[in-house]
Amino acid sequence: MGKIKGKKKNKRPEYVVICREFNRAAARIEISVIDSGVTDHLMNNLIKMHIKDPHKRYFLTLKKDYQVYGALFRKQVETMSIKNNKRIVELGVDLEEQERNKEDGENKN
């Protein structure tokens, strides 16, 4: 029996976290990237940190997407214009609640 070509092992996807922090002292936005050791535990801790300090926001994307769209993602996070981008998600945000609020707003108009 020969090897099966093109068969990929089910690997867990690798993620990148983009941190957006508003530096009050310098009055500017600082963007940093965590690209190693992104685990569920780390993401939960980042969500807790965001709750304590809302000036820090964390966004999650796939490592392979970040390698392609990295500069664009950083720019979107910096300007916060990430609507309709399915490749990047803000940690600690209840997306279902946001969708319900958006639908309620549209229904009222």
PDB file of N, CA and C in Angstrom:
ATOM      1  N   MET A   1       0.835  -1.187   0.000  1.00  0.00           N
ATOM      2  CA  MET A   1       0.000   0.000   0.000  1.00  0.00           C
ATOM      3  C   MET A   1       0.878   1.248   0.000  1.00  0.00           C
ATOM      4  N   GLY A   2       0.565   2.167  -0.871  1.00  0.00           N
ATOM      5  CA  GLY A   2       1.319   3.410  -0.957  1.00  0.00           C
ATOM      6  C   GLY A   2       0.749   4.494  -0.062  1.00  0.00           C
ATOM      7  N   LYS A   3       1.479   5.565  -0.031  1.00  0.00           N
ATOM      8  CA  LYS A   3       1.030   6.711   0.762  1.00  0.00           C
ATOM      9  C   LYS A   3      -0.121   7.417   0.054  1.00  0.00           C
ATOM     10  N   ILE A   4      -0.995   8.006   0.840  1.00  0.00           N
ATOM     11  CA  ILE A   4      -2.085   8.788   0.264  1.00  0.00           C
ATOM     12  C   ILE A   4      -1.582  10.216   0.081  1.00  0.00           C
ATOM     13  N   LYS A   5      -1.610  10.677  -1.160  1.00  0.00           N
ATOM     14  CA  LYS A   5      -1.101  12.016  -1.449  1.00  0.00           C
ATOM     15  C   LYS A   5      -2.125  13.075  -1.066  1.00  0.00           C
ATOM     16  N   GLY A   6      -1.607  14.198  -0.631  1.00  0.00           N
ATOM     17  CA  GLY A   6      -2.466  15.340  -0.329  1.00  0.00           C
ATOM     18  C   GLY A   6      -3.228  15.233   0.979  1.00  0.00           C
ATOM     19  N   LYS A   7      -2.993  14.194   1.743  1.00  0.00           N
ATOM     20  CA  LYS A   7      -3.702  14.029   3.014  1.00  0.00           C
ATOM     21  C   LYS A   7      -3.009  14.877   4.074  1.00  0.00           C
ATOM     22  N   LYS A   8      -3.751  15.801   4.679  1.00  0.00           N
ATOM     23  CA  LYS A   8      -3.183  16.672   5.705  1.00  0.00           C
ATOM     24  C   LYS A   8      -3.596  16.162   7.072  1.00  0.00           C
ATOM     25  N   LYS A   9      -2.696  16.305   8.009  1.00  0.00           N
ATOM     26  CA  LYS A   9      -3.028  15.979   9.387  1.00  0.00           C
ATOM     27  C   LYS A   9      -3.879  17.106   9.951  1.00  0.00           C
ATOM     28  N   ASN A  10      -4.810  16.749  10.819  1.00  0.00           N
ATOM     29  CA  ASN A  10      -5.646  17.769  11.443  1.00  0.00           C
ATOM     30  C   ASN A  10      -4.843  18.488  12.509  1.00  0.00           C
ATOM     31  N   LYS A  11      -4.257  19.597  12.115  1.00  0.00           N
ATOM     32  CA  LYS A  11      -3.499  20.406  13.056  1.00  0.00           C
ATOM     33  C   LYS A  11      -4.405  21.485  13.609  1.00  0.00           C
ATOM     34  N   ARG A  12      -4.164  21.839  14.858  1.00  0.00           N
ATOM     35  CA  ARG A  12      -4.904  22.940  15.460  1.00  0.00           C
ATOM     36  C   ARG A  12      -4.420  24.229  14.809  1.00  0.00           C
ATOM     37  N   PRO A  13      -5.339  25.101  14.406  1.00  0.00           N
ATOM     38  CA  PRO A  13      -4.887  26.336  13.747  1.00  0.00           C
ATOM     39  C   PRO A  13      -4.079  27.207  14.696  1.00  0.00           C
ATOM     40  N   GLU A  14      -3.109  27.912  14.137  1.00  0.00           N
ATOM     41  CA  GLU A  14      -2.286  28.821  14.927  1.00  0.00           C
ATOM     42  C   GLU A  14      -2.876  30.218  14.826  1.00  0.00           C
ATOM     43  N   TYR A  15      -2.898  30.899  15.964  1.00  0.00           N
ATOM     44  CA  TYR A  15      -3.505  32.220  16.016  1.00  0.00           C
ATOM     45  C   TYR A  15      -2.487  33.307  16.323  1.00  0.00           C
ATOM     46  N   VAL A  16      -2.880  34.537  16.018  1.00  0.00           N
ATOM     47  CA  VAL A  16      -2.125  35.729  16.347  1.00  0.00           C
ATOM     48  C   VAL A  16      -3.089  36.658  17.080  1.00  0.00           C
ATOM     49  N   VAL A  17      -2.603  37.293  18.142  1.00  0.00           N
ATOM     50  CA  VAL A  17      -3.405  38.287  18.855  1.00  0.00           C
ATOM     51  C   VAL A  17      -2.802  39.660  18.584  1.00  0.00           C
ATOM     52  N   ILE A  18      -3.650  40.586  18.159  1.00  0.00           N
ATOM     53  CA  ILE A  18      -3.217  41.959  17.939  1.00  0.00           C
ATOM     54  C   ILE A  18      -3.748  42.787  19.104  1.00  0.00           C
ATOM     55  N   CYS A  19      -2.852  43.457  19.801  1.00  0.00           N
ATOM     56  CA  CYS A  19      -3.225  44.272  20.956  1.00  0.00           C
ATOM     57  C   CYS A  19      -3.282  45.737  20.533  1.00  0.00           C
ATOM     58  N   ARG A  20      -4.393  46.382  20.838  1.00  0.00           N
ATOM     59  CA  ARG A  20      -4.541  47.814  20.577  1.00  0.00           C
ATOM     60  C   ARG A  20      -4.651  48.507  21.924  1.00  0.00           C
ATOM     61  N   GLU A  21      -3.706  49.371  22.221  1.00  0.00           N
ATOM     62  CA  GLU A  21      -3.702  50.065  23.501  1.00  0.00           C
ATOM     63  C   GLU A  21      -3.649  51.565  23.279  1.00  0.00           C
ATOM     64  N   PHE A  22      -4.557  52.274  23.947  1.00  0.00           N
ATOM     65  CA  PHE A  22      -4.523  53.730  23.871  1.00  0.00           C
ATOM     66  C   PHE A  22      -3.617  54.232  24.975  1.00  0.00           C
ATOM     67  N   ASN A  23      -2.492  54.789  24.584  1.00  0.00           N
ATOM     68  CA  ASN A  23      -1.522  55.327  25.536  1.00  0.00           C
ATOM     69  C   ASN A  23      -1.946  56.747  25.890  1.00  0.00           C
ATOM     70  N   ARG A  24      -2.534  56.885  27.074  1.00  0.00           N
ATOM     71  CA  ARG A  24      -3.073  58.183  27.489  1.00  0.00           C
ATOM     72  C   ARG A  24      -1.970  59.228  27.645  1.00  0.00           C
ATOM     73  N   ALA A  25      -0.832  58.829  28.190  1.00  0.00           N
ATOM     74  CA  ALA A  25       0.258  59.780  28.433  1.00  0.00           C
ATOM     75  C   ALA A  25       0.756  60.388  27.118  1.00  0.00           C
ATOM     76  N   ALA A  26       0.932  59.545  26.108  1.00  0.00           N
ATOM     77  CA  ALA A  26       1.432  60.021  24.813  1.00  0.00           C
ATOM     78  C   ALA A  26       0.298  60.421  23.871  1.00  0.00           C
ATOM     79  N   ALA A  27      -0.950  60.132  24.276  1.00  0.00           N
ATOM     80  CA  ALA A  27      -2.138  60.424  23.453  1.00  0.00           C
ATOM     81  C   ALA A  27      -2.021  59.815  22.062  1.00  0.00           C
ATOM     82  N   ARG A  28      -1.633  58.533  22.040  1.00  0.00           N
ATOM     83  CA  ARG A  28      -1.581  57.840  20.749  1.00  0.00           C
ATOM     84  C   ARG A  28      -1.906  56.365  20.927  1.00  0.00           C
ATOM     85  N   ILE A  29      -2.201  55.717  19.828  1.00  0.00           N
ATOM     86  CA  ILE A  29      -2.561  54.304  19.832  1.00  0.00           C
ATOM     87  C   ILE A  29      -1.307  53.481  19.553  1.00  0.00           C
ATOM     88  N   GLU A  30      -1.097  52.454  20.363  1.00  0.00           N
ATOM     89  CA  GLU A  30       0.042  51.560  20.158  1.00  0.00           C
ATOM     90  C   GLU A  30      -0.483  50.174  19.801  1.00  0.00           C
ATOM     91  N   ILE A  31       0.108  49.595  18.774  1.00  0.00           N
ATOM     92  CA  ILE A  31      -0.292  48.268  18.297  1.00  0.00           C
ATOM     93  C   ILE A  31       0.860  47.314  18.541  1.00  0.00           C
ATOM     94  N   SER A  32       0.559  46.177  19.186  1.00  0.00           N
ATOM     95  CA  SER A  32       1.569  45.136  19.357  1.00  0.00           C
ATOM     96  C   SER A  32       0.949  43.797  18.983  1.00  0.00           C
ATOM     97  N   VAL A  33       1.788  42.831  18.679  1.00  0.00           N
ATOM     98  CA  VAL A  33       1.326  41.535  18.183  1.00  0.00           C
ATOM     99  C   VAL A  33       1.910  40.414  19.024  1.00  0.00           C
ATOM    100  N   ILE A  34       1.051  39.484  19.414  1.00  0.00           N
ATOM    101  CA  ILE A  34       1.488  38.261  20.102  1.00  0.00           C
ATOM    102  C   ILE A  34       1.309  37.136  19.095  1.00  0.00           C
ATOM    103  N   ASP A  35       2.414  36.535  18.665  1.00  0.00           N
ATOM    104  CA  ASP A  35       2.285  35.486  17.650  1.00  0.00           C
ATOM    105  C   ASP A  35       2.808  34.130  18.104  1.00  0.00           C
ATOM    106  N   SER A  36       3.171  34.010  19.390  1.00  0.00           N
ATOM    107  CA  SER A  36       3.610  32.693  19.862  1.00  0.00           C
ATOM    108  C   SER A  36       2.943  32.396  21.194  1.00  0.00           C
ATOM    109  N   GLY A  37       2.599  31.154  21.400  1.00  0.00           N
ATOM    110  CA  GLY A  37       1.994  30.737  22.656  1.00  0.00           C
ATOM    111  C   GLY A  37       0.581  31.255  22.842  1.00  0.00           C
ATOM    112  N   VAL A  38      -0.172  31.427  21.746  1.00  0.00           N
ATOM    113  CA  VAL A  38      -1.555  31.892  21.850  1.00  0.00           C
ATOM    114  C   VAL A  38      -2.431  30.685  22.178  1.00  0.00           C
ATOM    115  N   THR A  39      -2.797  30.582  23.440  1.00  0.00           N
ATOM    116  CA  THR A  39      -3.609  29.453  23.919  1.00  0.00           C
ATOM    117  C   THR A  39      -4.948  29.976  24.425  1.00  0.00           C
ATOM    118  N   ASP A  40      -5.868  29.053  24.686  1.00  0.00           N
ATOM    119  CA  ASP A  40      -7.160  29.439  25.255  1.00  0.00           C
ATOM    120  C   ASP A  40      -6.961  30.150  26.585  1.00  0.00           C
ATOM    121  N   HIS A  41      -6.008  29.666  27.376  1.00  0.00           N
ATOM    122  CA  HIS A  41      -5.722  30.272  28.683  1.00  0.00           C
ATOM    123  C   HIS A  41      -5.280  31.730  28.518  1.00  0.00           C
ATOM    124  N   LEU A  42      -4.380  31.968  27.561  1.00  0.00           N
ATOM    125  CA  LEU A  42      -3.910  33.326  27.304  1.00  0.00           C
ATOM    126  C   LEU A  42      -5.067  34.213  26.858  1.00  0.00           C
ATOM    127  N   MET A  43      -5.912  33.710  25.957  1.00  0.00           N
ATOM    128  CA  MET A  43      -7.024  34.510  25.455  1.00  0.00           C
ATOM    129  C   MET A  43      -7.989  34.868  26.579  1.00  0.00           C
ATOM    130  N   ASN A  44      -8.259  33.925  27.477  1.00  0.00           N
ATOM    131  CA  ASN A  44      -9.134  34.209  28.621  1.00  0.00           C
ATOM    132  C   ASN A  44      -8.530  35.290  29.507  1.00  0.00           C
ATOM    133  N   ASN A  45      -7.218  35.229  29.735  1.00  0.00           N
ATOM    134  CA  ASN A  45      -6.547  36.249  30.543  1.00  0.00           C
ATOM    135  C   ASN A  45      -6.590  37.623  29.864  1.00  0.00           C
ATOM    136  N   LEU A  46      -6.454  37.650  28.549  1.00  0.00           N
ATOM    137  CA  LEU A  46      -6.510  38.920  27.831  1.00  0.00           C
ATOM    138  C   LEU A  46      -7.907  39.538  27.926  1.00  0.00           C
ATOM    139  N   ILE A  47      -8.930  38.688  27.885  1.00  0.00           N
ATOM    140  CA  ILE A  47     -10.306  39.182  28.028  1.00  0.00           C
ATOM    141  C   ILE A  47     -10.482  39.809  29.408  1.00  0.00           C
ATOM    142  N   LYS A  48      -9.929  39.152  30.432  1.00  0.00           N
ATOM    143  CA  LYS A  48     -10.017  39.700  31.798  1.00  0.00           C
ATOM    144  C   LYS A  48      -9.264  41.026  31.897  1.00  0.00           C
ATOM    145  N   MET A  49      -8.111  41.106  31.232  1.00  0.00           N
ATOM    146  CA  MET A  49      -7.332  42.350  31.250  1.00  0.00           C
ATOM    147  C   MET A  49      -8.105  43.480  30.574  1.00  0.00           C
ATOM    148  N   HIS A  50      -8.816  43.151  29.499  1.00  0.00           N
ATOM    149  CA  HIS A  50      -9.610  44.167  28.799  1.00  0.00           C
ATOM    150  C   HIS A  50     -10.734  44.682  29.702  1.00  0.00           C
ATOM    151  N   ILE A  51     -11.341  43.787  30.478  1.00  0.00           N
ATOM    152  CA  ILE A  51     -12.413  44.199  31.387  1.00  0.00           C
ATOM    153  C   ILE A  51     -11.869  45.155  32.441  1.00  0.00           C
ATOM    154  N   LYS A  52     -10.653  44.873  32.935  1.00  0.00           N
ATOM    155  CA  LYS A  52     -10.039  45.755  33.945  1.00  0.00           C
ATOM    156  C   LYS A  52      -9.597  47.084  33.342  1.00  0.00           C
ATOM    157  N   ASP A  53      -9.069  47.042  32.132  1.00  0.00           N
ATOM    158  CA  ASP A  53      -8.566  48.251  31.470  1.00  0.00           C
ATOM    159  C   ASP A  53      -9.125  48.317  30.051  1.00  0.00           C
ATOM    160  N   PRO A  54     -10.272  48.997  29.863  1.00  0.00           N
ATOM    161  CA  PRO A  54     -10.904  49.024  28.535  1.00  0.00           C
ATOM    162  C   PRO A  54     -10.087  49.757  27.469  1.00  0.00           C
ATOM    163  N   HIS A  55      -8.995  50.420  27.872  1.00  0.00           N
ATOM    164  CA  HIS A  55      -8.136  51.070  26.878  1.00  0.00           C
ATOM    165  C   HIS A  55      -7.296  50.049  26.116  1.00  0.00           C
ATOM    166  N   LYS A  56      -7.262  48.802  26.608  1.00  0.00           N
ATOM    167  CA  LYS A  56      -6.564  47.730  25.897  1.00  0.00           C
ATOM    168  C   LYS A  56      -7.610  46.831  25.246  1.00  0.00           C
ATOM    169  N   ARG A  57      -7.476  46.641  23.955  1.00  0.00           N
ATOM    170  CA  ARG A  57      -8.399  45.766  23.233  1.00  0.00           C
ATOM    171  C   ARG A  57      -7.567  44.746  22.470  1.00  0.00           C
ATOM    172  N   TYR A  58      -8.094  43.523  22.384  1.00  0.00           N
ATOM    173  CA  TYR A  58      -7.355  42.420  21.773  1.00  0.00           C
ATOM    174  C   TYR A  58      -8.171  41.814  20.646  1.00  0.00           C
ATOM    175  N   PHE A  59      -7.488  41.534  19.543  1.00  0.00           N
ATOM    176  CA  PHE A  59      -8.127  40.992  18.362  1.00  0.00           C
ATOM    177  C   PHE A  59      -7.423  39.703  17.959  1.00  0.00           C
ATOM    178  N   LEU A  60      -8.206  38.739  17.497  1.00  0.00           N
ATOM    179  CA  LEU A  60      -7.693  37.417  17.161  1.00  0.00           C
ATOM    180  C   LEU A  60      -7.838  37.172  15.669  1.00  0.00           C
ATOM    181  N   THR A  61      -6.788  36.601  15.076  1.00  0.00           N
ATOM    182  CA  THR A  61      -6.854  36.206  13.677  1.00  0.00           C
ATOM    183  C   THR A  61      -5.955  34.986  13.482  1.00  0.00           C
ATOM    184  N   LEU A  62      -6.138  34.295  12.385  1.00  0.00           N
ATOM    185  CA  LEU A  62      -5.289  33.139  12.080  1.00  0.00           C
ATOM    186  C   LEU A  62      -3.897  33.607  11.678  1.00  0.00           C
ATOM    187  N   LYS A  63      -2.904  32.848  12.085  1.00  0.00           N
ATOM    188  CA  LYS A  63      -1.514  33.210  11.780  1.00  0.00           C
ATOM    189  C   LYS A  63      -1.287  33.292  10.272  1.00  0.00           C
ATOM    190  N   LYS A  64      -1.868  32.349   9.514  1.00  0.00           N
ATOM    191  CA  LYS A  64      -1.658  32.362   8.058  1.00  0.00           C
ATOM    192  C   LYS A  64      -2.297  33.588   7.416  1.00  0.00           C
ATOM    193  N   ASP A  65      -3.451  34.035   7.948  1.00  0.00           N
ATOM    194  CA  ASP A  65      -4.070  35.250   7.429  1.00  0.00           C
ATOM    195  C   ASP A  65      -3.238  36.471   7.794  1.00  0.00           C
ATOM    196  N   TYR A  66      -2.691  36.476   9.008  1.00  0.00           N
ATOM    197  CA  TYR A  66      -1.886  37.622   9.438  1.00  0.00           C
ATOM    198  C   TYR A  66      -0.624  37.745   8.588  1.00  0.00           C
ATOM    199  N   GLN A  67      -0.056  36.597   8.193  1.00  0.00           N
ATOM    200  CA  GLN A  67       1.144  36.640   7.360  1.00  0.00           C
ATOM    201  C   GLN A  67       0.849  37.286   6.009  1.00  0.00           C
ATOM    202  N   VAL A  68      -0.402  37.155   5.538  1.00  0.00           N
ATOM    203  CA  VAL A  68      -0.783  37.744   4.254  1.00  0.00           C
ATOM    204  C   VAL A  68      -1.284  39.174   4.417  1.00  0.00           C
ATOM    205  N   TYR A  69      -2.159  39.379   5.424  1.00  0.00           N
ATOM    206  CA  TYR A  69      -2.842  40.663   5.566  1.00  0.00           C
ATOM    207  C   TYR A  69      -2.369  41.473   6.771  1.00  0.00           C
ATOM    208  N   GLY A  70      -1.210  41.152   7.327  1.00  0.00           N
ATOM    209  CA  GLY A  70      -0.759  41.753   8.578  1.00  0.00           C
ATOM    210  C   GLY A  70      -0.832  43.264   8.638  1.00  0.00           C
ATOM    211  N   ALA A  71      -0.273  43.943   7.657  1.00  0.00           N
ATOM    212  CA  ALA A  71      -0.250  45.409   7.671  1.00  0.00           C
ATOM    213  C   ALA A  71      -1.667  45.965   7.610  1.00  0.00           C
ATOM    214  N   LEU A  72      -2.508  45.333   6.804  1.00  0.00           N
ATOM    215  CA  LEU A  72      -3.891  45.778   6.673  1.00  0.00           C
ATOM    216  C   LEU A  72      -4.639  45.588   7.990  1.00  0.00           C
ATOM    217  N   PHE A  73      -4.451  44.426   8.632  1.00  0.00           N
ATOM    218  CA  PHE A  73      -5.115  44.161   9.905  1.00  0.00           C
ATOM    219  C   PHE A  73      -4.689  45.176  10.961  1.00  0.00           C
ATOM    220  N   ARG A  74      -3.407  45.458  11.029  1.00  0.00           N
ATOM    221  CA  ARG A  74      -2.917  46.429  12.021  1.00  0.00           C
ATOM    222  C   ARG A  74      -3.535  47.797  11.779  1.00  0.00           C
ATOM    223  N   LYS A  75      -3.640  48.180  10.525  1.00  0.00           N
ATOM    224  CA  LYS A  75      -4.239  49.479  10.190  1.00  0.00           C
ATOM    225  C   LYS A  75      -5.718  49.495  10.570  1.00  0.00           C
ATOM    226  N   GLN A  76      -6.426  48.398  10.300  1.00  0.00           N
ATOM    227  CA  GLN A  76      -7.850  48.327  10.640  1.00  0.00           C
ATOM    228  C   GLN A  76      -8.051  48.400  12.146  1.00  0.00           C
ATOM    229  N   VAL A  77      -7.202  47.702  12.893  1.00  0.00           N
ATOM    230  CA  VAL A  77      -7.305  47.725  14.346  1.00  0.00           C
ATOM    231  C   VAL A  77      -6.998  49.121  14.866  1.00  0.00           C
ATOM    232  N   GLU A  78      -6.016  49.770  14.274  1.00  0.00           N
ATOM    233  CA  GLU A  78      -5.628  51.115  14.724  1.00  0.00           C
ATOM    234  C   GLU A  78      -6.774  52.106  14.532  1.00  0.00           C
ATOM    235  N   THR A  79      -7.453  52.010  13.392  1.00  0.00           N
ATOM    236  CA  THR A  79      -8.535  52.953  13.100  1.00  0.00           C
ATOM    237  C   THR A  79      -9.886  52.427  13.564  1.00  0.00           C
ATOM    238  N   MET A  80      -9.932  51.161  14.010  1.00  0.00           N
ATOM    239  CA  MET A  80     -11.143  50.510  14.495  1.00  0.00           C
ATOM    240  C   MET A  80     -12.213  50.354  13.427  1.00  0.00           C
ATOM    241  N   SER A  81     -11.830  50.362  12.160  1.00  0.00           N
ATOM    242  CA  SER A  81     -12.803  50.169  11.086  1.00  0.00           C
ATOM    243  C   SER A  81     -12.737  48.727  10.604  1.00  0.00           C
ATOM    244  N   ILE A  82     -13.142  47.799  11.483  1.00  0.00           N
ATOM    245  CA  ILE A  82     -13.025  46.386  11.128  1.00  0.00           C
ATOM    246  C   ILE A  82     -14.393  45.753  10.898  1.00  0.00           C
ATOM    247  N   LYS A  83     -15.396  46.562  10.593  1.00  0.00           N
ATOM    248  CA  LYS A  83     -16.717  46.017  10.326  1.00  0.00           C
ATOM    249  C   LYS A  83     -16.654  45.144   9.078  1.00  0.00           C
ATOM    250  N   ASN A  84     -17.408  44.067   9.095  1.00  0.00           N
ATOM    251  CA  ASN A  84     -17.535  43.146   7.953  1.00  0.00           C
ATOM    252  C   ASN A  84     -16.261  42.399   7.615  1.00  0.00           C
ATOM    253  N   ASN A  85     -15.291  42.393   8.504  1.00  0.00           N
ATOM    254  CA  ASN A  85     -14.099  41.597   8.259  1.00  0.00           C
ATOM    255  C   ASN A  85     -14.212  40.328   9.092  1.00  0.00           C
ATOM    256  N   LYS A  86     -14.461  39.217   8.425  1.00  0.00           N
ATOM    257  CA  LYS A  86     -14.691  37.953   9.123  1.00  0.00           C
ATOM    258  C   LYS A  86     -13.389  37.290   9.562  1.00  0.00           C
ATOM    259  N   ARG A  87     -12.257  37.820   9.102  1.00  0.00           N
ATOM    260  CA  ARG A  87     -10.969  37.189   9.400  1.00  0.00           C
ATOM    261  C   ARG A  87     -10.371  37.658  10.716  1.00  0.00           C
ATOM    262  N   ILE A  88     -10.956  38.679  11.331  1.00  0.00           N
ATOM    263  CA  ILE A  88     -10.405  39.222  12.564  1.00  0.00           C
ATOM    264  C   ILE A  88     -11.553  39.443  13.552  1.00  0.00           C
ATOM    265  N   VAL A  89     -11.350  39.006  14.792  1.00  0.00           N
ATOM    266  CA  VAL A  89     -12.413  39.021  15.797  1.00  0.00           C
ATOM    267  C   VAL A  89     -11.879  39.683  17.056  1.00  0.00           C
ATOM    268  N   GLU A  90     -12.693  40.525  17.678  1.00  0.00           N
ATOM    269  CA  GLU A  90     -12.283  41.154  18.929  1.00  0.00           C
ATOM    270  C   GLU A  90     -12.565  40.214  20.087  1.00  0.00           C
ATOM    271  N   LEU A  91     -11.551  40.005  20.921  1.00  0.00           N
ATOM    272  CA  LEU A  91     -11.722  39.152  22.090  1.00  0.00           C
ATOM    273  C   LEU A  91     -12.542  39.880  23.146  1.00  0.00           C
ATOM    274  N   GLY A  92     -13.391  39.131  23.818  1.00  0.00           N
ATOM    275  CA  GLY A  92     -14.151  39.691  24.928  1.00  0.00           C
ATOM    276  C   GLY A  92     -15.407  40.413  24.504  1.00  0.00           C
ATOM    277  N   VAL A  93     -15.771  40.342  23.231  1.00  0.00           N
ATOM    278  CA  VAL A  93     -16.976  40.994  22.754  1.00  0.00           C
ATOM    279  C   VAL A  93     -18.012  39.919  22.471  1.00  0.00           C
ATOM    280  N   ASP A  94     -19.222  40.112  22.975  1.00  0.00           N
ATOM    281  CA  ASP A  94     -20.306  39.170  22.731  1.00  0.00           C
ATOM    282  C   ASP A  94     -20.871  39.463  21.346  1.00  0.00           C
ATOM    283  N   LEU A  95     -20.438  38.682  20.357  1.00  0.00           N
ATOM    284  CA  LEU A  95     -20.809  38.962  18.976  1.00  0.00           C
ATOM    285  C   LEU A  95     -22.304  38.757  18.742  1.00  0.00           C
ATOM    286  N   GLU A  96     -22.908  37.767  19.414  1.00  0.00           N
ATOM    287  CA  GLU A  96     -24.338  37.523  19.243  1.00  0.00           C
ATOM    288  C   GLU A  96     -25.136  38.718  19.757  1.00  0.00           C
ATOM    289  N   GLU A  97     -24.698  39.289  20.880  1.00  0.00           N
ATOM    290  CA  GLU A  97     -25.385  40.452  21.434  1.00  0.00           C
ATOM    291  C   GLU A  97     -25.261  41.642  20.489  1.00  0.00           C
ATOM    292  N   GLN A  98     -24.086  41.817  19.891  1.00  0.00           N
ATOM    293  CA  GLN A  98     -23.890  42.901  18.930  1.00  0.00           C
ATOM    294  C   GLN A  98     -24.826  42.738  17.737  1.00  0.00           C
ATOM    295  N   GLU A  99     -24.941  41.511  17.231  1.00  0.00           N
ATOM    296  CA  GLU A  99     -25.820  41.253  16.086  1.00  0.00           C
ATOM    297  C   GLU A  99     -27.273  41.559  16.441  1.00  0.00           C
ATOM    298  N   ARG A 100     -27.702  41.133  17.643  1.00  0.00           N
ATOM    299  CA  ARG A 100     -29.081  41.405  18.075  1.00  0.00           C
ATOM    300  C   ARG A 100     -29.323  42.903  18.163  1.00  0.00           C
ATOM    301  N   ASN A 101     -28.371  43.640  18.730  1.00  0.00           N
ATOM    302  CA  ASN A 101     -28.522  45.087  18.851  1.00  0.00           C
ATOM    303  C   ASN A 101     -28.585  45.755  17.483  1.00  0.00           C
ATOM    304  N   LYS A 102     -27.778  45.256  16.548  1.00  0.00           N
ATOM    305  CA  LYS A 102     -27.771  45.822  15.202  1.00  0.00           C
ATOM    306  C   LYS A 102     -29.105  45.559  14.521  1.00  0.00           C
ATOM    307  N   GLU A 103     -29.626  44.330  14.664  1.00  0.00           N
ATOM    308  CA  GLU A 103     -30.906  43.981  14.055  1.00  0.00           C
ATOM    309  C   GLU A 103     -32.030  44.790  14.682  1.00  0.00           C
ATOM    310  N   ASP A 104     -32.001  44.987  16.002  1.00  0.00           N
ATOM    311  CA  ASP A 104     -33.032  45.780  16.676  1.00  0.00           C
ATOM    312  C   ASP A 104     -33.006  47.209  16.163  1.00  0.00           C
ATOM    313  N   GLY A 105     -31.823  47.759  15.958  1.00  0.00           N
ATOM    314  CA  GLY A 105     -31.691  49.116  15.439  1.00  0.00           C
ATOM    315  C   GLY A 105     -32.251  49.236  14.034  1.00  0.00           C
ATOM    316  N   GLU A 106     -32.030  48.217  13.206  1.00  0.00           N
ATOM    317  CA  GLU A 106     -32.537  48.234  11.837  1.00  0.00           C
ATOM    318  C   GLU A 106     -34.048  48.081  11.817  1.00  0.00           C
ATOM    319  N   ASN A 107     -34.595  47.290  12.730  1.00  0.00           N
ATOM    320  CA  ASN A 107     -36.035  47.073  12.771  1.00  0.00           C
ATOM    321  C   ASN A 107     -36.787  48.316  13.217  1.00  0.00           C
ATOM    322  N   LYS A 108     -36.137  49.147  14.039  1.00  0.00           N
ATOM    323  CA  LYS A 108     -36.793  50.364  14.528  1.00  0.00           C
ATOM    324  C   LYS A 108     -36.905  51.425  13.441  1.00  0.00           C
ATOM    325  N   ASN A 109     -35.978  51.385  12.477  1.00  0.00           N
ATOM    326  CA  ASN A 109     -35.982  52.427  11.424  1.00  0.00           C
ATOM    327  C   ASN A 109     -37.021  52.188  10.396  1.00  0.00           C
TER     328      ASN A 109
END
